[in-house]
C-alpha cells in the first residue's frame, strides 16, 4: 500500500483536519498529528468539491459493506464507523483527487 501525500493540517480544540491527495494506488488514511490519550472518537471524510474522479474507501483492504467500497463523488462525505484509522485505505479513479479527513478526539 502506498503512502498518501498530506497537503495541509489544521488543528482546533479536540479535532484536526488533514487534506490529502489520492491517486490510483490504495493508500492508508494519514497519521493523526495530534496526540490525545482518549484516542479517536470519530473519523469524517469528504471528497473535495472540485474532484473530477471518484474516491473509494476500503476497510481492511477490501470493500466496505461488500460491493466496490464506499464511493465518494465530488463534495460527498461520510462518517466512518470504525475509529481505528489504520484499518482504512482509500483509492481514486484518477490521480490527483483531494480528500479531507477530520479526526475528532475523546477528551483527555
N, C-alpha and C. Protein backbone atom coordinates (compact mmCIF):
# COMPACT_ATOMS: atom_id res chain seq x y z
N UNK A 1 0.85 -1.16 0.00
CA UNK A 1 0.00 0.00 0.00
C UNK A 1 0.90 1.23 0.00
N UNK A 2 0.59 2.18 -0.86
CA UNK A 2 1.40 3.38 -0.99
C UNK A 2 1.14 4.37 0.13
N UNK A 3 1.91 5.43 0.13
CA UNK A 3 1.75 6.49 1.12
C UNK A 3 0.96 7.63 0.51
N UNK A 4 0.12 8.25 1.31
CA UNK A 4 -0.64 9.40 0.84
C UNK A 4 0.21 10.65 0.99
N UNK A 5 -0.16 11.68 0.27
CA UNK A 5 0.51 12.97 0.39
C UNK A 5 -0.39 13.90 1.17
N UNK A 6 0.02 14.26 2.38
CA UNK A 6 -0.77 15.18 3.19
C UNK A 6 -0.43 16.60 2.74
N UNK A 7 -1.45 17.34 2.32
CA UNK A 7 -1.27 18.68 1.80
C UNK A 7 -1.28 19.71 2.91
N UNK A 8 -2.23 19.59 3.84
CA UNK A 8 -2.31 20.57 4.92
C UNK A 8 -2.93 19.95 6.17
N UNK A 9 -2.63 20.54 7.32
CA UNK A 9 -3.16 20.10 8.60
C UNK A 9 -3.64 21.33 9.36
N UNK A 10 -4.88 21.27 9.87
CA UNK A 10 -5.42 22.34 10.70
C UNK A 10 -5.89 21.71 12.00
N UNK A 11 -5.40 22.23 13.13
CA UNK A 11 -5.78 21.70 14.44
C UNK A 11 -6.66 22.70 15.15
N UNK A 12 -7.69 22.20 15.84
CA UNK A 12 -8.55 23.07 16.64
C UNK A 12 -9.22 22.24 17.71
N UNK A 13 -9.20 22.72 18.96
CA UNK A 13 -9.85 22.03 20.07
C UNK A 13 -9.50 20.55 20.11
N UNK A 14 -10.52 19.71 20.11
CA UNK A 14 -10.35 18.26 20.15
C UNK A 14 -10.46 17.64 18.77
N UNK A 15 -10.04 18.35 17.72
CA UNK A 15 -10.13 17.82 16.37
C UNK A 15 -8.99 18.35 15.51
N UNK A 16 -8.83 17.72 14.35
CA UNK A 16 -7.89 18.21 13.36
C UNK A 16 -8.36 17.79 11.98
N UNK A 17 -8.12 18.65 10.99
CA UNK A 17 -8.43 18.38 9.59
C UNK A 17 -7.13 18.13 8.85
N UNK A 18 -7.14 17.08 8.03
CA UNK A 18 -5.99 16.80 7.17
C UNK A 18 -6.51 16.69 5.75
N UNK A 19 -5.85 17.36 4.82
CA UNK A 19 -6.22 17.22 3.42
C UNK A 19 -5.12 16.45 2.73
N UNK A 20 -5.51 15.45 1.95
CA UNK A 20 -4.51 14.65 1.26
C UNK A 20 -4.89 14.48 -0.19
N UNK A 21 -3.89 14.14 -0.99
CA UNK A 21 -4.09 13.86 -2.40
C UNK A 21 -4.05 12.36 -2.58
N UNK A 22 -5.05 11.84 -3.31
CA UNK A 22 -5.21 10.39 -3.51
C UNK A 22 -5.08 10.08 -4.99
N UNK A 23 -4.42 8.99 -5.31
CA UNK A 23 -4.25 8.57 -6.70
C UNK A 23 -4.83 7.19 -6.94
N UNK A 24 -4.40 6.56 -8.01
CA UNK A 24 -4.94 5.28 -8.45
C UNK A 24 -4.31 4.08 -7.74
N UNK A 25 -3.51 4.32 -6.70
CA UNK A 25 -2.94 3.26 -5.87
C UNK A 25 -3.49 3.45 -4.46
N UNK A 26 -3.96 2.38 -3.84
CA UNK A 26 -4.55 2.46 -2.49
C UNK A 26 -3.53 2.99 -1.49
N UNK A 27 -3.98 3.92 -0.63
CA UNK A 27 -3.14 4.48 0.43
C UNK A 27 -3.92 4.45 1.74
N UNK A 28 -3.20 4.37 2.84
CA UNK A 28 -3.82 4.41 4.16
C UNK A 28 -4.26 5.83 4.48
N UNK A 29 -5.24 5.95 5.39
CA UNK A 29 -5.58 7.28 5.88
C UNK A 29 -4.35 7.82 6.58
N UNK A 30 -4.17 9.14 6.56
CA UNK A 30 -2.94 9.72 7.13
C UNK A 30 -2.87 9.57 8.64
N UNK A 31 -1.65 9.59 9.15
CA UNK A 31 -1.44 9.60 10.60
C UNK A 31 -2.02 10.88 11.18
N UNK A 32 -2.60 10.75 12.35
CA UNK A 32 -3.01 11.97 13.03
C UNK A 32 -1.76 12.64 13.59
N UNK A 33 -1.78 13.95 13.64
CA UNK A 33 -0.62 14.68 14.14
C UNK A 33 -0.82 15.11 15.58
N UNK A 34 -2.04 15.01 16.06
CA UNK A 34 -2.39 15.41 17.42
C UNK A 34 -2.42 14.16 18.30
N UNK A 35 -1.94 14.27 19.52
CA UNK A 35 -1.96 13.13 20.43
C UNK A 35 -2.93 13.40 21.56
N UNK A 36 -3.92 12.55 21.70
CA UNK A 36 -4.88 12.66 22.81
C UNK A 36 -4.98 11.28 23.45
N UNK A 37 -4.92 11.24 24.77
CA UNK A 37 -4.94 9.95 25.45
C UNK A 37 -6.25 9.20 25.24
N UNK A 38 -7.35 9.91 24.98
CA UNK A 38 -8.64 9.25 24.78
C UNK A 38 -8.79 8.60 23.43
N UNK A 39 -7.91 8.90 22.49
CA UNK A 39 -7.96 8.30 21.16
C UNK A 39 -8.99 8.98 20.26
N UNK A 40 -9.12 8.44 19.05
CA UNK A 40 -10.04 8.99 18.06
C UNK A 40 -11.46 8.58 18.39
N UNK A 41 -12.37 9.55 18.39
CA UNK A 41 -13.78 9.28 18.65
C UNK A 41 -14.57 9.19 17.35
N UNK A 42 -14.17 9.94 16.33
CA UNK A 42 -14.90 9.97 15.07
C UNK A 42 -13.95 10.26 13.92
N UNK A 43 -14.21 9.63 12.77
CA UNK A 43 -13.48 9.92 11.55
C UNK A 43 -14.50 10.35 10.50
N UNK A 44 -14.35 11.57 10.00
CA UNK A 44 -15.24 12.13 8.98
C UNK A 44 -14.40 12.38 7.74
N UNK A 45 -14.85 11.91 6.59
CA UNK A 45 -14.11 12.13 5.35
C UNK A 45 -15.02 12.80 4.32
N UNK A 46 -14.42 13.71 3.54
CA UNK A 46 -15.17 14.40 2.50
C UNK A 46 -14.31 14.56 1.27
N UNK A 47 -14.87 14.20 0.11
CA UNK A 47 -14.19 14.41 -1.16
C UNK A 47 -14.26 15.89 -1.50
N UNK A 48 -13.17 16.44 -2.00
CA UNK A 48 -13.12 17.85 -2.34
C UNK A 48 -14.13 18.16 -3.45
N UNK A 49 -14.83 19.30 -3.36
CA UNK A 49 -15.85 19.64 -4.35
C UNK A 49 -15.34 19.77 -5.78
N UNK A 50 -14.05 20.04 -5.95
CA UNK A 50 -13.51 20.19 -7.31
C UNK A 50 -13.00 18.89 -7.93
N UNK A 51 -13.09 17.77 -7.20
CA UNK A 51 -12.61 16.49 -7.75
C UNK A 51 -13.34 16.14 -9.03
N UNK A 52 -12.61 15.60 -9.99
CA UNK A 52 -13.22 15.14 -11.24
C UNK A 52 -13.45 13.63 -11.24
N UNK A 53 -12.80 12.92 -10.32
CA UNK A 53 -12.93 11.47 -10.23
C UNK A 53 -13.63 11.06 -8.95
N UNK A 54 -13.61 9.76 -8.69
CA UNK A 54 -14.24 9.18 -7.50
C UNK A 54 -13.17 8.68 -6.54
N UNK A 55 -13.49 8.70 -5.24
CA UNK A 55 -12.60 8.13 -4.22
C UNK A 55 -13.35 7.00 -3.54
N UNK A 56 -12.72 5.83 -3.44
CA UNK A 56 -13.33 4.67 -2.80
C UNK A 56 -12.64 4.41 -1.47
N UNK A 57 -13.45 4.20 -0.43
CA UNK A 57 -12.94 3.91 0.91
C UNK A 57 -13.01 2.41 1.13
N UNK A 58 -11.90 1.83 1.54
CA UNK A 58 -11.80 0.39 1.80
C UNK A 58 -11.57 0.16 3.28
N UNK A 59 -12.13 -0.91 3.82
CA UNK A 59 -11.91 -1.31 5.20
C UNK A 59 -11.11 -2.60 5.21
N UNK A 60 -9.99 -2.60 5.90
CA UNK A 60 -9.08 -3.76 5.95
C UNK A 60 -8.69 -4.23 4.55
N UNK A 61 -8.51 -3.26 3.64
CA UNK A 61 -8.04 -3.58 2.29
C UNK A 61 -9.10 -4.12 1.36
N UNK A 62 -10.33 -4.23 1.85
CA UNK A 62 -11.41 -4.73 0.99
C UNK A 62 -12.57 -3.75 1.02
N UNK A 63 -13.54 -4.01 0.21
CA UNK A 63 -14.69 -3.12 0.09
C UNK A 63 -15.45 -3.01 1.41
N UNK A 64 -15.96 -1.83 1.69
CA UNK A 64 -16.79 -1.60 2.85
C UNK A 64 -18.20 -2.07 2.52
N UNK A 65 -18.79 -2.88 3.38
CA UNK A 65 -20.16 -3.40 3.18
C UNK A 65 -20.32 -4.12 1.84
N UNK A 66 -19.32 -4.87 1.43
CA UNK A 66 -19.41 -5.60 0.16
C UNK A 66 -19.33 -4.65 -1.01
N UNK A 67 -19.60 -5.14 -2.18
CA UNK A 67 -19.59 -4.29 -3.37
C UNK A 67 -18.22 -3.70 -3.63
N UNK A 68 -18.21 -2.48 -4.13
CA UNK A 68 -16.97 -1.84 -4.53
C UNK A 68 -16.42 -0.88 -3.49
N UNK A 69 -16.92 -0.92 -2.28
CA UNK A 69 -16.48 0.00 -1.25
C UNK A 69 -17.39 1.21 -1.21
N UNK A 70 -17.17 2.09 -0.27
CA UNK A 70 -17.95 3.33 -0.17
C UNK A 70 -17.33 4.34 -1.13
N UNK A 71 -18.09 4.74 -2.13
CA UNK A 71 -17.58 5.63 -3.16
C UNK A 71 -18.04 7.06 -2.89
N UNK A 72 -17.08 7.98 -2.92
CA UNK A 72 -17.37 9.39 -2.72
C UNK A 72 -17.14 10.15 -4.02
N UNK A 73 -18.18 10.83 -4.48
CA UNK A 73 -18.03 11.73 -5.62
C UNK A 73 -17.69 13.11 -5.08
N UNK A 74 -17.42 14.06 -5.95
CA UNK A 74 -17.03 15.41 -5.53
C UNK A 74 -18.02 15.98 -4.52
N UNK A 75 -17.51 16.42 -3.37
CA UNK A 75 -18.32 17.06 -2.35
C UNK A 75 -19.05 16.12 -1.41
N UNK A 76 -19.09 14.83 -1.70
CA UNK A 76 -19.81 13.91 -0.81
C UNK A 76 -18.95 13.53 0.39
N UNK A 77 -19.61 13.03 1.46
CA UNK A 77 -18.90 12.75 2.70
C UNK A 77 -19.53 11.58 3.43
N UNK A 78 -18.80 11.11 4.45
CA UNK A 78 -19.29 10.00 5.27
C UNK A 78 -18.57 10.02 6.62
N UNK A 79 -19.29 9.63 7.67
CA UNK A 79 -18.67 9.34 8.96
C UNK A 79 -18.33 7.86 8.96
N UNK A 80 -17.11 7.52 9.31
CA UNK A 80 -16.70 6.13 9.33
C UNK A 80 -16.99 5.52 10.70
N UNK A 81 -17.54 4.32 10.70
CA UNK A 81 -17.97 3.68 11.95
C UNK A 81 -16.82 3.17 12.79
N UNK A 82 -15.79 2.67 12.17
CA UNK A 82 -14.64 2.14 12.90
C UNK A 82 -13.66 3.28 13.11
N UNK A 83 -13.28 3.54 14.35
CA UNK A 83 -12.42 4.70 14.63
C UNK A 83 -10.93 4.38 14.62
N UNK A 84 -10.55 3.17 14.24
CA UNK A 84 -9.14 2.82 14.11
C UNK A 84 -8.72 3.17 12.68
N UNK A 85 -8.10 4.33 12.49
CA UNK A 85 -7.79 4.83 11.15
C UNK A 85 -6.89 3.89 10.36
N UNK A 86 -6.11 3.06 11.04
CA UNK A 86 -5.19 2.18 10.33
C UNK A 86 -5.93 1.08 9.55
N UNK A 87 -7.21 0.89 9.84
CA UNK A 87 -7.98 -0.14 9.13
C UNK A 87 -8.51 0.35 7.79
N UNK A 88 -8.43 1.66 7.53
CA UNK A 88 -8.98 2.23 6.30
C UNK A 88 -7.90 2.55 5.29
N UNK A 89 -8.26 2.39 4.03
CA UNK A 89 -7.43 2.88 2.94
C UNK A 89 -8.36 3.50 1.90
N UNK A 90 -7.79 4.31 1.04
CA UNK A 90 -8.55 5.00 0.01
C UNK A 90 -7.83 4.87 -1.32
N UNK A 91 -8.61 4.88 -2.39
CA UNK A 91 -8.07 4.82 -3.75
C UNK A 91 -8.96 5.67 -4.64
N UNK A 92 -8.36 6.33 -5.62
CA UNK A 92 -9.13 7.20 -6.51
C UNK A 92 -9.19 6.61 -7.92
N UNK A 93 -10.21 7.02 -8.65
CA UNK A 93 -10.36 6.55 -10.03
C UNK A 93 -9.34 7.21 -10.95
N UNK A 94 -8.87 8.39 -10.57
CA UNK A 94 -7.82 9.09 -11.32
C UNK A 94 -6.90 9.79 -10.33
N UNK A 95 -5.70 10.07 -10.76
CA UNK A 95 -4.71 10.71 -9.89
C UNK A 95 -5.13 12.13 -9.52
N UNK A 96 -4.62 12.61 -8.40
CA UNK A 96 -4.78 14.00 -8.01
C UNK A 96 -6.09 14.37 -7.34
N UNK A 97 -6.84 13.38 -6.85
CA UNK A 97 -8.11 13.67 -6.17
C UNK A 97 -7.81 14.06 -4.72
N UNK A 98 -8.57 15.01 -4.19
CA UNK A 98 -8.33 15.50 -2.83
C UNK A 98 -9.39 14.97 -1.88
N UNK A 99 -8.94 14.65 -0.66
CA UNK A 99 -9.81 14.13 0.38
C UNK A 99 -9.50 14.86 1.67
N UNK A 100 -10.53 15.35 2.34
CA UNK A 100 -10.36 15.94 3.67
C UNK A 100 -10.75 14.91 4.71
N UNK A 101 -9.89 14.71 5.69
CA UNK A 101 -10.12 13.78 6.78
C UNK A 101 -10.14 14.57 8.08
N UNK A 102 -11.22 14.43 8.85
CA UNK A 102 -11.31 15.10 10.15
C UNK A 102 -11.32 14.05 11.24
N UNK A 103 -10.34 14.11 12.13
CA UNK A 103 -10.31 13.23 13.29
C UNK A 103 -10.81 14.04 14.48
N UNK A 104 -11.83 13.54 15.17
CA UNK A 104 -12.30 14.15 16.40
C UNK A 104 -11.87 13.24 17.54
N UNK A 105 -11.32 13.84 18.59
CA UNK A 105 -10.75 13.05 19.69
C UNK A 105 -11.61 13.08 20.92
N UNK A 106 -11.55 11.98 21.68
CA UNK A 106 -12.19 11.96 23.00
C UNK A 106 -11.38 12.89 23.90
N UNK A 107 -12.01 13.51 24.84
CA UNK A 107 -11.30 14.39 25.77
C UNK A 107 -10.30 13.62 26.61
N UNK A 108 -9.28 14.29 27.07
CA UNK A 108 -8.25 13.65 27.93
C UNK A 108 -8.82 13.30 29.28
